[in-house]
Amino acid sequence: MSKKTKREWYRKSHSFRLTHDDFHLYRYLENYKGTKSERIREMLLFALKYEPIIKNGKLDAETQVEGYIETSENNEKLLEKLNELEKIIKSNHDELMNKTFEVSESKEDEEDEMDESIENTNNALFESWGVEF
């Protein structure tokens, strides 16, 4: 390859024609919301990646292991995120329960103080009139 070819290989465009049997492909590309060119490129990259599988008609061991590892890693990440969320939820729950308990206690304290204040006021009033109990 010449230097010019090496530097500009990505500027090369390719075209192809659909055959009479490719109606489903035509309909798919026509209904695709993105650019047809980009979608065709993605489809070709996918086909290249899985060509050995398609040719053999089965998954080879390496592809199976790669798929298993990807799935396992994704599952581990999901479990970690779930554990983090569980901790956050528990922390929020505990904090809410503590605040609820504190509010409840402070209301009871306020009620006790109010009751005591009313009783003291009543006693002072009766004493000023000279009534004793």
N, C-alpha and C. Protein backbone atom coordinates (compact mmCIF):
# COMPACT_ATOMS: atom_id res chain seq x y z
N MET A 1 0.82 -1.18 0.00
CA MET A 1 0.00 0.00 0.00
C MET A 1 0.87 1.25 0.00
N SER A 2 0.49 2.19 -0.75
CA SER A 2 1.24 3.45 -0.77
C SER A 2 0.86 4.28 0.45
N LYS A 3 1.68 5.31 0.74
CA LYS A 3 1.41 6.16 1.89
C LYS A 3 0.05 6.83 1.77
N LYS A 4 -0.28 7.27 0.57
CA LYS A 4 -1.56 7.94 0.36
C LYS A 4 -2.71 6.97 0.66
N THR A 5 -2.58 5.75 0.20
CA THR A 5 -3.62 4.75 0.43
C THR A 5 -3.76 4.44 1.92
N LYS A 6 -2.64 4.34 2.63
CA LYS A 6 -2.68 4.04 4.06
C LYS A 6 -3.39 5.15 4.83
N ARG A 7 -3.12 6.40 4.46
CA ARG A 7 -3.70 7.51 5.20
C ARG A 7 -5.17 7.74 4.85
N GLU A 8 -5.58 7.40 3.65
CA GLU A 8 -6.92 7.75 3.20
C GLU A 8 -7.81 6.53 2.97
N TRP A 9 -7.49 5.42 3.55
CA TRP A 9 -8.28 4.22 3.34
C TRP A 9 -9.72 4.40 3.81
N TYR A 10 -9.94 5.22 4.85
CA TYR A 10 -11.27 5.39 5.41
C TYR A 10 -12.15 6.28 4.53
N ARG A 11 -11.56 6.97 3.55
CA ARG A 11 -12.36 7.84 2.68
C ARG A 11 -12.97 7.07 1.51
N LYS A 12 -12.56 5.85 1.36
CA LYS A 12 -13.07 5.03 0.27
C LYS A 12 -14.52 4.64 0.56
N SER A 13 -15.37 4.76 -0.44
CA SER A 13 -16.76 4.35 -0.24
C SER A 13 -17.04 3.13 -1.10
N HIS A 14 -17.96 2.33 -0.67
CA HIS A 14 -18.33 1.12 -1.38
C HIS A 14 -19.83 1.16 -1.63
N SER A 15 -20.23 0.54 -2.68
CA SER A 15 -21.65 0.46 -2.95
C SER A 15 -21.97 -0.97 -3.37
N PHE A 16 -23.23 -1.32 -3.29
CA PHE A 16 -23.66 -2.65 -3.69
C PHE A 16 -25.12 -2.56 -4.11
N ARG A 17 -25.56 -3.58 -4.76
CA ARG A 17 -26.95 -3.61 -5.21
C ARG A 17 -27.68 -4.74 -4.49
N LEU A 18 -28.91 -4.49 -4.18
CA LEU A 18 -29.75 -5.53 -3.62
C LEU A 18 -30.27 -6.40 -4.75
N THR A 19 -30.48 -7.65 -4.44
CA THR A 19 -31.04 -8.56 -5.45
C THR A 19 -32.54 -8.68 -5.23
N HIS A 20 -33.17 -9.39 -6.11
CA HIS A 20 -34.62 -9.58 -6.03
C HIS A 20 -35.03 -10.25 -4.71
N ASP A 21 -34.17 -11.09 -4.17
CA ASP A 21 -34.47 -11.83 -2.94
C ASP A 21 -34.23 -11.01 -1.66
N ASP A 22 -33.77 -9.78 -1.79
CA ASP A 22 -33.40 -8.97 -0.62
C ASP A 22 -34.47 -7.98 -0.19
N PHE A 23 -35.72 -8.29 -0.45
CA PHE A 23 -36.78 -7.34 -0.11
C PHE A 23 -36.81 -7.04 1.39
N HIS A 24 -36.61 -8.07 2.23
CA HIS A 24 -36.63 -7.85 3.69
C HIS A 24 -35.51 -6.89 4.11
N LEU A 25 -34.34 -6.99 3.45
CA LEU A 25 -33.23 -6.09 3.73
C LEU A 25 -33.57 -4.67 3.27
N TYR A 26 -34.17 -4.55 2.10
CA TYR A 26 -34.60 -3.25 1.57
C TYR A 26 -35.58 -2.59 2.54
N ARG A 27 -36.58 -3.34 2.97
CA ARG A 27 -37.59 -2.80 3.88
C ARG A 27 -36.95 -2.39 5.21
N TYR A 28 -36.03 -3.20 5.70
CA TYR A 28 -35.35 -2.89 6.96
C TYR A 28 -34.57 -1.57 6.84
N LEU A 29 -33.80 -1.42 5.78
CA LEU A 29 -32.99 -0.21 5.59
C LEU A 29 -33.87 1.02 5.36
N GLU A 30 -34.95 0.85 4.65
CA GLU A 30 -35.84 1.99 4.39
C GLU A 30 -36.54 2.45 5.67
N ASN A 31 -36.81 1.54 6.57
CA ASN A 31 -37.50 1.90 7.82
C ASN A 31 -36.54 2.32 8.93
N TYR A 32 -35.25 2.15 8.72
CA TYR A 32 -34.25 2.52 9.73
C TYR A 32 -34.21 4.03 9.87
N LYS A 33 -34.23 4.53 11.10
CA LYS A 33 -34.31 5.96 11.34
C LYS A 33 -32.99 6.69 11.17
N GLY A 34 -31.87 6.01 11.34
CA GLY A 34 -30.55 6.63 11.18
C GLY A 34 -30.13 6.61 9.72
N THR A 35 -28.84 6.86 9.49
CA THR A 35 -28.35 6.83 8.11
C THR A 35 -28.17 5.38 7.67
N LYS A 36 -28.53 5.13 6.45
CA LYS A 36 -28.41 3.77 5.90
C LYS A 36 -26.95 3.35 5.84
N SER A 37 -26.09 4.28 5.48
CA SER A 37 -24.67 3.98 5.35
C SER A 37 -24.09 3.51 6.68
N GLU A 38 -24.41 4.22 7.76
CA GLU A 38 -23.89 3.85 9.08
C GLU A 38 -24.46 2.49 9.51
N ARG A 39 -25.72 2.25 9.24
CA ARG A 39 -26.33 0.98 9.62
C ARG A 39 -25.69 -0.19 8.85
N ILE A 40 -25.45 0.00 7.59
CA ILE A 40 -24.81 -1.05 6.79
C ILE A 40 -23.41 -1.33 7.33
N ARG A 41 -22.67 -0.26 7.69
CA ARG A 41 -21.34 -0.42 8.27
C ARG A 41 -21.41 -1.23 9.56
N GLU A 42 -22.38 -0.93 10.43
CA GLU A 42 -22.55 -1.67 11.68
C GLU A 42 -22.87 -3.14 11.41
N MET A 43 -23.71 -3.38 10.41
CA MET A 43 -24.07 -4.75 10.08
C MET A 43 -22.86 -5.53 9.56
N LEU A 44 -22.03 -4.88 8.76
CA LEU A 44 -20.83 -5.55 8.25
C LEU A 44 -19.85 -5.86 9.38
N LEU A 45 -19.67 -4.92 10.30
CA LEU A 45 -18.78 -5.17 11.44
C LEU A 45 -19.29 -6.33 12.29
N PHE A 46 -20.60 -6.39 12.49
CA PHE A 46 -21.20 -7.48 13.24
C PHE A 46 -20.95 -8.81 12.52
N ALA A 47 -21.16 -8.80 11.21
CA ALA A 47 -20.96 -10.03 10.42
C ALA A 47 -19.51 -10.49 10.49
N LEU A 48 -18.57 -9.54 10.42
CA LEU A 48 -17.15 -9.92 10.51
C LEU A 48 -16.82 -10.52 11.87
N LYS A 49 -17.39 -9.95 12.90
CA LYS A 49 -17.12 -10.44 14.25
C LYS A 49 -17.63 -11.88 14.43
N TYR A 50 -18.80 -12.15 13.88
CA TYR A 50 -19.42 -13.45 14.09
C TYR A 50 -19.32 -14.39 12.89
N GLU A 51 -18.49 -14.05 11.91
CA GLU A 51 -18.33 -14.89 10.73
C GLU A 51 -17.90 -16.32 11.07
N PRO A 52 -16.92 -16.50 11.98
CA PRO A 52 -16.55 -17.88 12.31
C PRO A 52 -17.71 -18.69 12.90
N ILE A 53 -18.53 -18.05 13.67
CA ILE A 53 -19.68 -18.74 14.26
C ILE A 53 -20.66 -19.14 13.17
N ILE A 54 -20.90 -18.20 12.26
CA ILE A 54 -21.84 -18.46 11.18
C ILE A 54 -21.32 -19.58 10.28
N LYS A 55 -20.03 -19.55 9.96
CA LYS A 55 -19.46 -20.58 9.08
C LYS A 55 -19.52 -21.96 9.73
N ASN A 56 -19.18 -22.03 11.00
CA ASN A 56 -19.17 -23.32 11.69
C ASN A 56 -20.56 -23.78 12.07
N GLY A 57 -21.48 -22.86 12.13
CA GLY A 57 -22.84 -23.23 12.52
C GLY A 57 -22.96 -23.48 14.00
N LYS A 58 -21.94 -23.15 14.78
CA LYS A 58 -21.98 -23.34 16.23
C LYS A 58 -20.99 -22.39 16.87
N LEU A 59 -21.12 -22.21 18.15
CA LEU A 59 -20.19 -21.37 18.89
C LEU A 59 -18.90 -22.14 19.16
N ASP A 60 -17.78 -21.51 18.90
CA ASP A 60 -16.54 -22.15 19.29
C ASP A 60 -16.29 -21.86 20.78
N ALA A 61 -15.40 -22.60 21.39
CA ALA A 61 -15.17 -22.51 22.83
C ALA A 61 -14.76 -21.10 23.25
N GLU A 62 -13.91 -20.47 22.47
CA GLU A 62 -13.43 -19.12 22.83
C GLU A 62 -14.58 -18.12 22.87
N THR A 63 -15.47 -18.19 21.89
CA THR A 63 -16.61 -17.28 21.84
C THR A 63 -17.55 -17.54 23.01
N GLN A 64 -17.74 -18.81 23.35
CA GLN A 64 -18.58 -19.15 24.50
C GLN A 64 -18.00 -18.57 25.77
N VAL A 65 -16.68 -18.73 25.96
CA VAL A 65 -16.03 -18.21 27.17
C VAL A 65 -16.12 -16.69 27.21
N GLU A 66 -15.88 -16.02 26.06
CA GLU A 66 -15.98 -14.56 26.01
C GLU A 66 -17.38 -14.10 26.40
N GLY A 67 -18.38 -14.76 25.86
CA GLY A 67 -19.77 -14.41 26.18
C GLY A 67 -20.07 -14.63 27.65
N TYR A 68 -19.56 -15.74 28.20
CA TYR A 68 -19.78 -16.03 29.62
C TYR A 68 -19.10 -14.97 30.49
N ILE A 69 -17.86 -14.60 30.13
CA ILE A 69 -17.12 -13.61 30.91
C ILE A 69 -17.84 -12.26 30.86
N GLU A 70 -18.28 -11.85 29.67
CA GLU A 70 -19.01 -10.58 29.54
C GLU A 70 -20.26 -10.61 30.40
N THR A 71 -21.01 -11.69 30.34
CA THR A 71 -22.23 -11.81 31.13
C THR A 71 -21.92 -11.80 32.62
N SER A 72 -20.89 -12.54 33.02
CA SER A 72 -20.52 -12.58 34.43
C SER A 72 -20.10 -11.21 34.94
N GLU A 73 -19.29 -10.50 34.14
CA GLU A 73 -18.84 -9.16 34.54
C GLU A 73 -20.03 -8.21 34.66
N ASN A 74 -20.95 -8.29 33.71
CA ASN A 74 -22.13 -7.44 33.77
C ASN A 74 -22.97 -7.77 35.00
N ASN A 75 -23.12 -9.07 35.29
CA ASN A 75 -23.89 -9.48 36.46
C ASN A 75 -23.23 -9.00 37.75
N GLU A 76 -21.90 -9.09 37.81
CA GLU A 76 -21.18 -8.62 39.00
C GLU A 76 -21.37 -7.13 39.19
N LYS A 77 -21.29 -6.37 38.10
CA LYS A 77 -21.49 -4.92 38.18
C LYS A 77 -22.90 -4.60 38.65
N LEU A 78 -23.87 -5.34 38.12
CA LEU A 78 -25.26 -5.11 38.54
C LEU A 78 -25.45 -5.43 40.01
N LEU A 79 -24.85 -6.53 40.47
CA LEU A 79 -24.95 -6.90 41.88
C LEU A 79 -24.31 -5.86 42.78
N GLU A 80 -23.15 -5.33 42.36
CA GLU A 80 -22.50 -4.28 43.13
C GLU A 80 -23.40 -3.05 43.24
N LYS A 81 -24.00 -2.66 42.12
CA LYS A 81 -24.89 -1.50 42.14
C LYS A 81 -26.11 -1.76 43.01
N LEU A 82 -26.66 -2.96 42.94
CA LEU A 82 -27.80 -3.31 43.79
C LEU A 82 -27.42 -3.25 45.26
N ASN A 83 -26.24 -3.75 45.60
CA ASN A 83 -25.77 -3.70 46.99
C ASN A 83 -25.60 -2.26 47.46
N GLU A 84 -25.05 -1.41 46.59
CA GLU A 84 -24.89 0.00 46.93
C GLU A 84 -26.25 0.65 47.17
N LEU A 85 -27.21 0.35 46.28
CA LEU A 85 -28.55 0.90 46.44
C LEU A 85 -29.21 0.41 47.73
N GLU A 86 -29.00 -0.86 48.04
CA GLU A 86 -29.57 -1.43 49.26
C GLU A 86 -29.01 -0.71 50.49
N LYS A 87 -27.70 -0.42 50.48
CA LYS A 87 -27.09 0.30 51.60
C LYS A 87 -27.67 1.71 51.72
N ILE A 88 -27.83 2.38 50.60
CA ILE A 88 -28.38 3.73 50.60
C ILE A 88 -29.81 3.72 51.12
N ILE A 89 -30.60 2.77 50.66
CA ILE A 89 -31.99 2.66 51.11
C ILE A 89 -32.04 2.39 52.60
N LYS A 90 -31.21 1.48 53.10
CA LYS A 90 -31.20 1.17 54.53
C LYS A 90 -30.78 2.40 55.33
N SER A 91 -29.76 3.10 54.85
CA SER A 91 -29.30 4.30 55.53
C SER A 91 -30.40 5.36 55.58
N ASN A 92 -31.07 5.56 54.46
CA ASN A 92 -32.17 6.53 54.41
C ASN A 92 -33.31 6.11 55.34
N HIS A 93 -33.62 4.82 55.36
CA HIS A 93 -34.68 4.32 56.23
C HIS A 93 -34.32 4.55 57.70
N ASP A 94 -33.09 4.19 58.06
CA ASP A 94 -32.66 4.37 59.46
C ASP A 94 -32.70 5.84 59.85
N GLU A 95 -32.24 6.70 58.96
CA GLU A 95 -32.23 8.14 59.24
C GLU A 95 -33.66 8.66 59.41
N LEU A 96 -34.55 8.22 58.55
CA LEU A 96 -35.96 8.63 58.64
C LEU A 96 -36.59 8.14 59.94
N MET A 97 -36.30 6.90 60.31
CA MET A 97 -36.86 6.35 61.55
C MET A 97 -36.34 7.12 62.76
N ASN A 98 -35.05 7.47 62.76
CA ASN A 98 -34.48 8.25 63.87
C ASN A 98 -35.13 9.61 63.98
N LYS A 99 -35.34 10.26 62.84
CA LYS A 99 -35.98 11.57 62.85
C LYS A 99 -37.42 11.46 63.34
N THR A 100 -38.12 10.42 62.91
CA THR A 100 -39.50 10.21 63.35
C THR A 100 -39.53 10.00 64.86
N PHE A 101 -38.60 9.20 65.39
CA PHE A 101 -38.54 8.94 66.82
C PHE A 101 -38.22 10.23 67.58
N GLU A 102 -37.27 11.02 67.06
CA GLU A 102 -36.90 12.28 67.70
C GLU A 102 -38.08 13.24 67.73
N VAL A 103 -38.81 13.33 66.62
CA VAL A 103 -39.97 14.21 66.56
C VAL A 103 -41.02 13.74 67.55
N SER A 104 -41.23 12.44 67.59
CA SER A 104 -42.21 11.87 68.53
C SER A 104 -41.81 12.17 69.97
N GLU A 105 -40.54 11.98 70.30
CA GLU A 105 -40.06 12.26 71.65
C GLU A 105 -40.19 13.75 71.99
N SER A 106 -39.83 14.61 71.05
CA SER A 106 -39.90 16.05 71.32
C SER A 106 -41.35 16.49 71.49
N LYS A 107 -42.29 15.90 70.76
CA LYS A 107 -43.71 16.22 70.94
C LYS A 107 -44.18 15.80 72.33
N GLU A 108 -43.76 14.61 72.75
CA GLU A 108 -44.13 14.14 74.09
C GLU A 108 -43.54 15.07 75.15
N ASP A 109 -42.28 15.48 74.98
CA ASP A 109 -41.65 16.41 75.92
C ASP A 109 -42.40 17.73 75.96
N GLU A 110 -42.80 18.24 74.78
CA GLU A 110 -43.54 19.49 74.72
C GLU A 110 -44.89 19.35 75.42
N GLU A 111 -45.55 18.22 75.19
CA GLU A 111 -46.85 17.99 75.85
C GLU A 111 -46.68 17.92 77.36
N ASP A 112 -45.63 17.24 77.82
CA ASP A 112 -45.37 17.15 79.27
C ASP A 112 -45.11 18.54 79.85
N GLU A 113 -44.31 19.34 79.13
CA GLU A 113 -44.01 20.69 79.60
C GLU A 113 -45.28 21.54 79.63
N MET A 114 -46.14 21.40 78.62
CA MET A 114 -47.38 22.16 78.56
C MET A 114 -48.30 21.76 79.71
N ASP A 115 -48.42 20.46 79.94
CA ASP A 115 -49.25 19.98 81.05
C ASP A 115 -48.76 20.54 82.38
N GLU A 116 -47.44 20.50 82.56
CA GLU A 116 -46.84 21.01 83.80
C GLU A 116 -47.08 22.52 83.94
N SER A 117 -46.96 23.24 82.82
CA SER A 117 -47.18 24.67 82.83
C SER A 117 -48.63 25.01 83.18
N ILE A 118 -49.57 24.28 82.61
CA ILE A 118 -50.99 24.49 82.91
C ILE A 118 -51.27 24.21 84.37
N GLU A 119 -50.70 23.13 84.88
CA GLU A 119 -50.91 22.77 86.29
C GLU A 119 -50.34 23.86 87.21
N ASN A 120 -49.14 24.34 86.88
CA ASN A 120 -48.54 25.41 87.68
C ASN A 120 -49.39 26.68 87.64
N THR A 121 -49.92 27.01 86.46
CA THR A 121 -50.77 28.20 86.32
C THR A 121 -52.04 28.04 87.14
N ASN A 122 -52.66 26.87 87.06
CA ASN A 122 -53.87 26.61 87.84
C ASN A 122 -53.58 26.70 89.35
N ASN A 123 -52.50 26.10 89.79
CA ASN A 123 -52.15 26.14 91.21
C ASN A 123 -51.90 27.58 91.66
N ALA A 124 -51.20 28.36 90.85
CA ALA A 124 -50.93 29.76 91.20
C ALA A 124 -52.22 30.54 91.28
N LEU A 125 -53.14 30.29 90.36
CA LEU A 125 -54.42 30.98 90.35
C LEU A 125 -55.24 30.65 91.60
N PHE A 126 -55.31 29.37 91.95
CA PHE A 126 -56.06 28.96 93.14
C PHE A 126 -55.42 29.51 94.42
N GLU A 127 -54.09 29.52 94.46
CA GLU A 127 -53.39 30.06 95.63
C GLU A 127 -53.68 31.55 95.80
N SER A 128 -53.74 32.26 94.65
CA SER A 128 -54.01 33.71 94.75
C SER A 128 -55.42 33.97 95.29
N TRP A 129 -56.35 33.04 95.12
CA TRP A 129 -57.69 33.18 95.65
C TRP A 129 -57.81 32.53 97.02
N GLY A 130 -56.74 31.93 97.42
CA GLY A 130 -56.72 31.32 98.76
C GLY A 130 -57.34 29.94 98.80
N VAL A 131 -57.44 29.27 97.68
CA VAL A 131 -58.01 27.91 97.64
C VAL A 131 -56.86 26.92 97.71
N GLU A 132 -57.03 25.98 98.63
CA GLU A 132 -55.99 24.94 98.76
C GLU A 132 -56.59 23.57 98.51
N PHE A 133 -55.81 22.71 97.87
CA PHE A 133 -56.27 21.34 97.63
C PHE A 133 -55.47 20.36 98.41
